[in-house]
Amino acid sequence: MNLLYTASGFAVGLLVGITGVGGGSLMTPLLVFLFGFKPAVAVGTDLIYAALTKSVGVFVHHGKHRSVDWRIVGLLALGSLPFAGLTLYMLNSFIANGKEISHAMTFTLGVALLLTALSLLVRSILMRRASKEAIVDDQLSTVENSGRFSPRWEKIATVITGAILGVLVTLSSVGAGALGTVALLFLYPRMSTLKIVGTDLAHAIPLTAVAGLGHLSMGNFDLDLLLSLLLGSVPGIWIGSHLSAKIPEHYLRPVLATLLLVIGTKFVLQ
């Protein structure tokens, strides 16, 4: 166990609990910049970490709130899992041929962080619009049609969204949380926020598990790092979740978005 890793896990968990920002967008850059891990190892370890921690969240959402739309989870997975597998195959092929993948993963991580930063800025706007539309639709008794498009195009758009998330998450470990939530808010504006979060969380588990196990098979994993992060992040998330009602989120989100913009730009320009 490394106390610095544990402390970092606690700090990231605290921020995740307060703001709801995905841990990957905070943890992976921290591991690369502060502790000097190779991007591949940071991404692979963070994916396994995400699969374990998100499983607890889905247990709460499905068991207590019944807030997971499994039909949408299936459509997202129909796109994300095959493309995650394809991305892993390409990464493995590059490694087998002796080609360096660190630059490609660093660039993708930067792009994912920039997209996450932008998503933080528009998420509150989308959530306010979604709440208003849900109220109107509830009054009109049309909440069952929660999609933005017709049923046919809704399915296609959801599968394509899953495919994009599959590639981004596999290459960077970023996107399963913040980007997935924003995408669902756009595709299903009349779905409740609780259901959006639960559905995105449920889809993130198989995606991060498949991507994480793929990286594990390539050796992109550090067990001591994983255990240290879990030791710190679990209490951090618990404390942060309780503090979230006392700390105004609209103050922290712009700060986090700005930080991710700076870090993402640095990754892209490396």
Protein backbone atom coordinates (compact mmCIF):
# COMPACT_ATOMS: atom_id res chain seq x y z
CA MET A 1 0.00 0.00 0.00
CA ASN A 2 1.18 3.52 -0.83
CA LEU A 3 -0.17 6.26 1.41
CA LEU A 4 0.22 8.89 -1.32
CA TYR A 5 -1.94 6.82 -3.69
CA THR A 6 -4.48 6.34 -0.90
CA ALA A 7 -4.56 10.06 -0.16
CA SER A 8 -5.02 10.78 -3.87
CA GLY A 9 -7.83 8.25 -4.02
CA PHE A 10 -9.49 9.94 -1.06
CA ALA A 11 -9.20 13.40 -2.67
CA VAL A 12 -10.62 12.19 -5.99
CA GLY A 13 -13.37 10.25 -4.22
CA LEU A 14 -14.28 13.37 -2.25
CA LEU A 15 -14.63 15.42 -5.46
CA VAL A 16 -16.60 12.66 -7.17
CA GLY A 17 -18.97 12.47 -4.21
CA ILE A 18 -19.50 16.24 -4.15
CA THR A 19 -19.75 16.96 -7.89
CA GLY A 20 -20.68 13.64 -9.50
CA VAL A 21 -17.82 14.04 -12.00
CA GLY A 22 -16.48 10.70 -13.23
CA GLY A 23 -13.43 9.48 -11.35
CA GLY A 24 -11.54 8.67 -14.57
CA SER A 25 -11.43 12.29 -15.67
CA LEU A 26 -9.69 13.16 -12.38
CA MET A 27 -7.81 9.98 -11.47
CA THR A 28 -6.07 9.15 -14.75
CA PRO A 29 -4.45 12.59 -15.27
CA LEU A 30 -3.37 12.53 -11.62
CA LEU A 31 -1.67 9.16 -12.05
CA VAL A 32 0.11 10.29 -15.21
CA PHE A 33 1.19 13.79 -14.14
CA LEU A 34 1.76 13.47 -10.41
CA PHE A 35 2.98 9.88 -10.07
CA GLY A 36 4.52 9.34 -13.51
CA PHE A 37 2.61 6.21 -14.51
CA LYS A 38 2.55 5.32 -18.19
CA PRO A 39 -0.81 6.28 -19.74
CA ALA A 40 -1.60 2.63 -20.55
CA VAL A 41 -1.07 1.48 -16.94
CA ALA A 42 -3.01 4.46 -15.55
CA VAL A 43 -5.92 3.79 -17.93
CA GLY A 44 -5.98 0.02 -17.35
CA THR A 45 -5.88 0.31 -13.55
CA ASP A 46 -8.49 3.06 -13.51
CA LEU A 47 -10.86 0.99 -15.67
CA ILE A 48 -10.78 -1.95 -13.22
CA TYR A 49 -11.19 0.54 -10.36
CA ALA A 50 -14.22 2.08 -12.11
CA ALA A 51 -15.87 -1.28 -12.76
CA LEU A 52 -15.62 -2.19 -9.06
CA THR A 53 -16.79 1.14 -7.63
CA LYS A 54 -19.63 1.67 -10.12
CA SER A 55 -21.04 -1.78 -9.28
CA VAL A 56 -21.89 -0.50 -5.79
CA GLY A 57 -23.66 2.51 -7.28
CA VAL A 58 -25.79 0.36 -9.61
CA PHE A 59 -26.76 -1.87 -6.70
CA VAL A 60 -28.21 1.19 -4.99
CA HIS A 61 -29.87 2.60 -8.13
CA HIS A 62 -31.45 -0.68 -9.25
CA GLY A 63 -32.21 -2.19 -5.87
CA LYS A 64 -33.40 0.91 -4.03
CA HIS A 65 -34.52 3.42 -6.66
CA ARG A 66 -35.40 1.14 -9.60
CA SER A 67 -33.83 3.84 -11.75
CA VAL A 68 -32.10 1.78 -14.44
CA ASP A 69 -33.59 1.56 -17.95
CA TRP A 70 -32.16 -1.79 -19.04
CA ARG A 71 -33.42 -1.38 -22.61
CA ILE A 72 -31.24 1.69 -23.07
CA VAL A 73 -28.35 -0.04 -21.29
CA GLY A 74 -28.64 -2.86 -23.84
CA LEU A 75 -28.64 -0.45 -26.80
CA LEU A 76 -25.59 1.40 -25.48
CA ALA A 77 -23.77 -1.88 -24.83
CA LEU A 78 -24.64 -3.07 -28.35
CA GLY A 79 -22.41 -0.28 -29.62
CA SER A 80 -19.85 0.10 -26.84
CA LEU A 81 -18.77 -3.49 -26.15
CA PRO A 82 -17.93 -4.50 -29.75
CA PHE A 83 -16.05 -1.23 -30.31
CA ALA A 84 -14.24 -1.62 -26.99
CA GLY A 85 -13.18 -5.09 -28.14
CA LEU A 86 -12.09 -3.75 -31.54
CA THR A 87 -10.08 -0.96 -29.90
CA LEU A 88 -8.37 -3.47 -27.59
CA TYR A 89 -7.55 -5.69 -30.58
CA MET A 90 -5.94 -2.75 -32.39
CA LEU A 91 -3.97 -1.73 -29.30
CA ASN A 92 -2.73 -5.30 -28.84
CA SER A 93 -1.74 -5.48 -32.51
CA PHE A 94 0.29 -2.28 -32.22
CA ILE A 95 2.04 -3.58 -29.09
CA ALA A 96 2.75 -6.95 -30.75
CA ASN A 97 4.39 -5.13 -33.67
CA GLY A 98 6.55 -3.09 -31.29
CA LYS A 99 4.77 0.20 -31.95
CA GLU A 100 4.47 2.81 -29.21
CA ILE A 101 0.88 3.54 -28.14
CA SER A 102 1.55 6.04 -25.36
CA HIS A 103 1.23 9.06 -27.65
CA ALA A 104 -2.08 7.89 -29.11
CA MET A 105 -3.49 7.19 -25.64
CA THR A 106 -2.22 10.52 -24.30
CA PHE A 107 -3.82 12.41 -27.20
CA THR A 108 -7.12 10.55 -26.78
CA LEU A 109 -7.05 11.20 -23.04
CA GLY A 110 -6.62 14.91 -23.75
CA VAL A 111 -9.54 14.95 -26.18
CA ALA A 112 -11.73 13.05 -23.69
CA LEU A 113 -10.84 15.52 -20.93
CA LEU A 114 -11.69 18.50 -23.15
CA LEU A 115 -15.04 16.92 -24.01
CA THR A 116 -15.66 16.19 -20.32
CA ALA A 117 -14.90 19.81 -19.42
CA LEU A 118 -17.38 21.02 -22.02
CA SER A 119 -19.95 18.50 -20.80
CA LEU A 120 -19.65 19.89 -17.26
CA LEU A 121 -20.51 23.35 -18.57
CA VAL A 122 -23.59 22.23 -20.53
CA ARG A 123 -24.82 19.50 -18.20
CA SER A 124 -26.66 21.84 -15.83
CA ILE A 125 -28.38 23.52 -18.79
CA LEU A 126 -29.51 20.17 -20.19
CA MET A 127 -30.68 19.01 -16.77
CA ARG A 128 -32.81 22.14 -16.28
CA ARG A 129 -34.36 21.70 -19.71
CA ALA A 130 -34.97 18.00 -19.07
CA SER A 131 -36.71 18.77 -15.78
CA LYS A 132 -38.99 21.32 -17.43
CA GLU A 133 -39.86 18.95 -20.29
CA ALA A 134 -40.54 16.13 -17.84
CA ILE A 135 -42.98 18.34 -15.91
CA VAL A 136 -44.78 19.37 -19.08
CA ASP A 137 -44.96 15.81 -20.37
CA ASP A 138 -46.17 14.56 -17.02
CA GLN A 139 -49.03 17.03 -17.22
CA LEU A 140 -49.79 15.85 -20.76
CA SER A 141 -49.39 12.17 -19.77
CA THR A 142 -46.79 11.49 -22.50
CA VAL A 143 -43.78 10.62 -20.37
CA GLU A 144 -43.52 7.16 -21.95
CA ASN A 145 -42.08 8.79 -25.09
CA SER A 146 -38.89 10.00 -23.43
CA GLY A 147 -36.71 10.12 -26.55
CA ARG A 148 -35.78 13.10 -28.72
CA PHE A 149 -36.12 11.14 -31.98
CA SER A 150 -38.52 8.63 -33.46
CA PRO A 151 -38.19 5.10 -31.98
CA ARG A 152 -36.17 3.83 -34.98
CA TRP A 153 -33.65 6.67 -35.03
CA GLU A 154 -33.56 6.72 -31.24
CA LYS A 155 -32.21 3.15 -31.25
CA ILE A 156 -29.63 3.92 -33.94
CA ALA A 157 -28.47 7.10 -32.18
CA THR A 158 -28.15 5.26 -28.86
CA VAL A 159 -26.07 2.45 -30.40
CA ILE A 160 -23.80 4.99 -32.14
CA THR A 161 -23.40 6.87 -28.85
CA GLY A 162 -22.39 3.61 -27.19
CA ALA A 163 -19.82 2.92 -29.93
CA ILE A 164 -18.19 6.35 -29.44
CA LEU A 165 -18.10 5.85 -25.67
CA GLY A 166 -16.60 2.39 -26.17
CA VAL A 167 -13.62 3.77 -28.09
CA LEU A 168 -13.07 6.77 -25.80
CA VAL A 169 -13.35 4.83 -22.55
CA THR A 170 -11.06 2.02 -23.75
CA LEU A 171 -8.35 4.45 -24.85
CA SER A 172 -8.60 6.94 -22.00
CA SER A 173 -10.81 5.53 -19.17
CA VAL A 174 -12.67 8.86 -19.42
CA GLY A 175 -16.22 9.31 -20.67
CA ALA A 176 -18.30 6.57 -19.10
CA GLY A 177 -19.61 9.01 -16.48
CA ALA A 178 -19.78 12.66 -17.51
CA LEU A 179 -19.97 12.18 -21.28
CA GLY A 180 -22.41 9.28 -21.00
CA THR A 181 -24.74 11.29 -18.79
CA VAL A 182 -24.73 14.30 -21.12
CA ALA A 183 -25.33 12.07 -24.15
CA LEU A 184 -28.34 10.46 -22.46
CA LEU A 185 -29.68 13.86 -21.37
CA PHE A 186 -29.57 14.92 -25.02
CA LEU A 187 -31.06 11.70 -26.43
CA TYR A 188 -33.75 11.30 -23.75
CA PRO A 189 -34.63 14.83 -22.56
CA ARG A 190 -37.87 13.76 -20.88
CA MET A 191 -36.32 10.97 -18.80
CA SER A 192 -35.88 11.74 -15.10
CA THR A 193 -32.41 12.76 -13.93
CA LEU A 194 -32.31 9.87 -11.45
CA LYS A 195 -32.99 7.40 -14.26
CA ILE A 196 -30.38 9.04 -16.49
CA VAL A 197 -27.72 8.62 -13.80
CA GLY A 198 -28.75 5.04 -12.96
CA THR A 199 -28.83 3.99 -16.62
CA ASP A 200 -25.46 5.56 -17.40
CA LEU A 201 -23.96 3.93 -14.32
CA ALA A 202 -25.33 0.50 -15.28
CA HIS A 203 -23.90 0.76 -18.81
CA ALA A 204 -20.50 1.85 -17.47
CA ILE A 205 -20.00 -1.43 -15.58
CA PRO A 206 -19.76 -3.87 -18.51
CA LEU A 207 -17.90 -1.29 -20.60
CA THR A 208 -15.22 -0.55 -17.98
CA ALA A 209 -15.01 -4.26 -17.08
CA VAL A 210 -14.44 -5.38 -20.69
CA ALA A 211 -11.99 -2.55 -21.38
CA GLY A 212 -10.23 -3.05 -18.04
CA LEU A 213 -9.83 -6.82 -18.47
CA GLY A 214 -8.48 -6.21 -21.96
CA HIS A 215 -5.83 -3.85 -20.58
CA LEU A 216 -5.13 -6.33 -17.78
CA SER A 217 -4.39 -9.05 -20.36
CA MET A 218 -1.87 -6.67 -21.99
CA GLY A 219 -0.15 -6.00 -18.66
CA ASN A 220 -1.51 -2.46 -18.27
CA PHE A 221 -2.37 -2.86 -14.59
CA ASP A 222 -0.92 -2.21 -11.12
CA LEU A 223 -2.51 -4.18 -8.25
CA ASP A 224 -0.88 -2.18 -5.42
CA LEU A 225 -2.10 1.03 -7.03
CA LEU A 226 -5.65 -0.33 -7.37
CA LEU A 227 -5.87 -1.43 -3.73
CA SER A 228 -4.42 1.86 -2.48
CA LEU A 229 -6.89 3.88 -4.57
CA LEU A 230 -9.83 1.83 -3.34
CA LEU A 231 -8.73 2.24 0.28
CA GLY A 232 -8.82 6.02 -0.07
CA SER A 233 -11.64 6.59 -2.54
CA VAL A 234 -14.40 4.60 -0.82
CA PRO A 235 -14.47 6.78 2.33
CA GLY A 236 -13.82 9.83 0.15
CA ILE A 237 -16.92 9.19 -1.96
CA TRP A 238 -18.98 8.50 1.16
CA ILE A 239 -17.91 11.78 2.83
CA GLY A 240 -18.25 13.74 -0.41
CA SER A 241 -21.78 12.45 -0.96
CA HIS A 242 -22.79 13.77 2.44
CA LEU A 243 -21.04 17.11 1.85
CA SER A 244 -22.65 17.59 -1.56
CA ALA A 245 -25.80 19.05 -0.01
CA LYS A 246 -23.76 21.66 1.88
CA ILE A 247 -21.29 22.75 -0.83
CA PRO A 248 -22.87 24.59 -3.80
CA GLU A 249 -22.15 22.47 -6.87
CA HIS A 250 -22.43 25.44 -9.24
CA TYR A 251 -19.25 26.89 -7.72
CA LEU A 252 -17.17 23.74 -8.05
CA ARG A 253 -18.19 22.64 -11.54
CA PRO A 254 -16.74 25.67 -13.40
CA VAL A 255 -13.49 25.29 -11.44
CA LEU A 256 -13.29 21.59 -12.32
CA ALA A 257 -14.19 22.30 -15.94
CA THR A 258 -11.41 24.89 -16.19
CA LEU A 259 -8.92 22.48 -14.61
CA LEU A 260 -9.87 19.72 -17.05
CA LEU A 261 -9.61 22.14 -19.98
CA VAL A 262 -6.04 23.03 -18.96
CA ILE A 263 -5.01 19.40 -18.37
CA GLY A 264 -6.74 18.20 -21.55
CA THR A 265 -4.98 20.87 -23.62
CA LYS A 266 -1.63 19.85 -22.16
CA PHE A 267 -2.26 16.19 -23.06
CA VAL A 268 -3.34 17.06 -26.61
CA LEU A 269 -0.29 19.25 -27.23
CA GLN A 270 2.25 16.73 -25.85
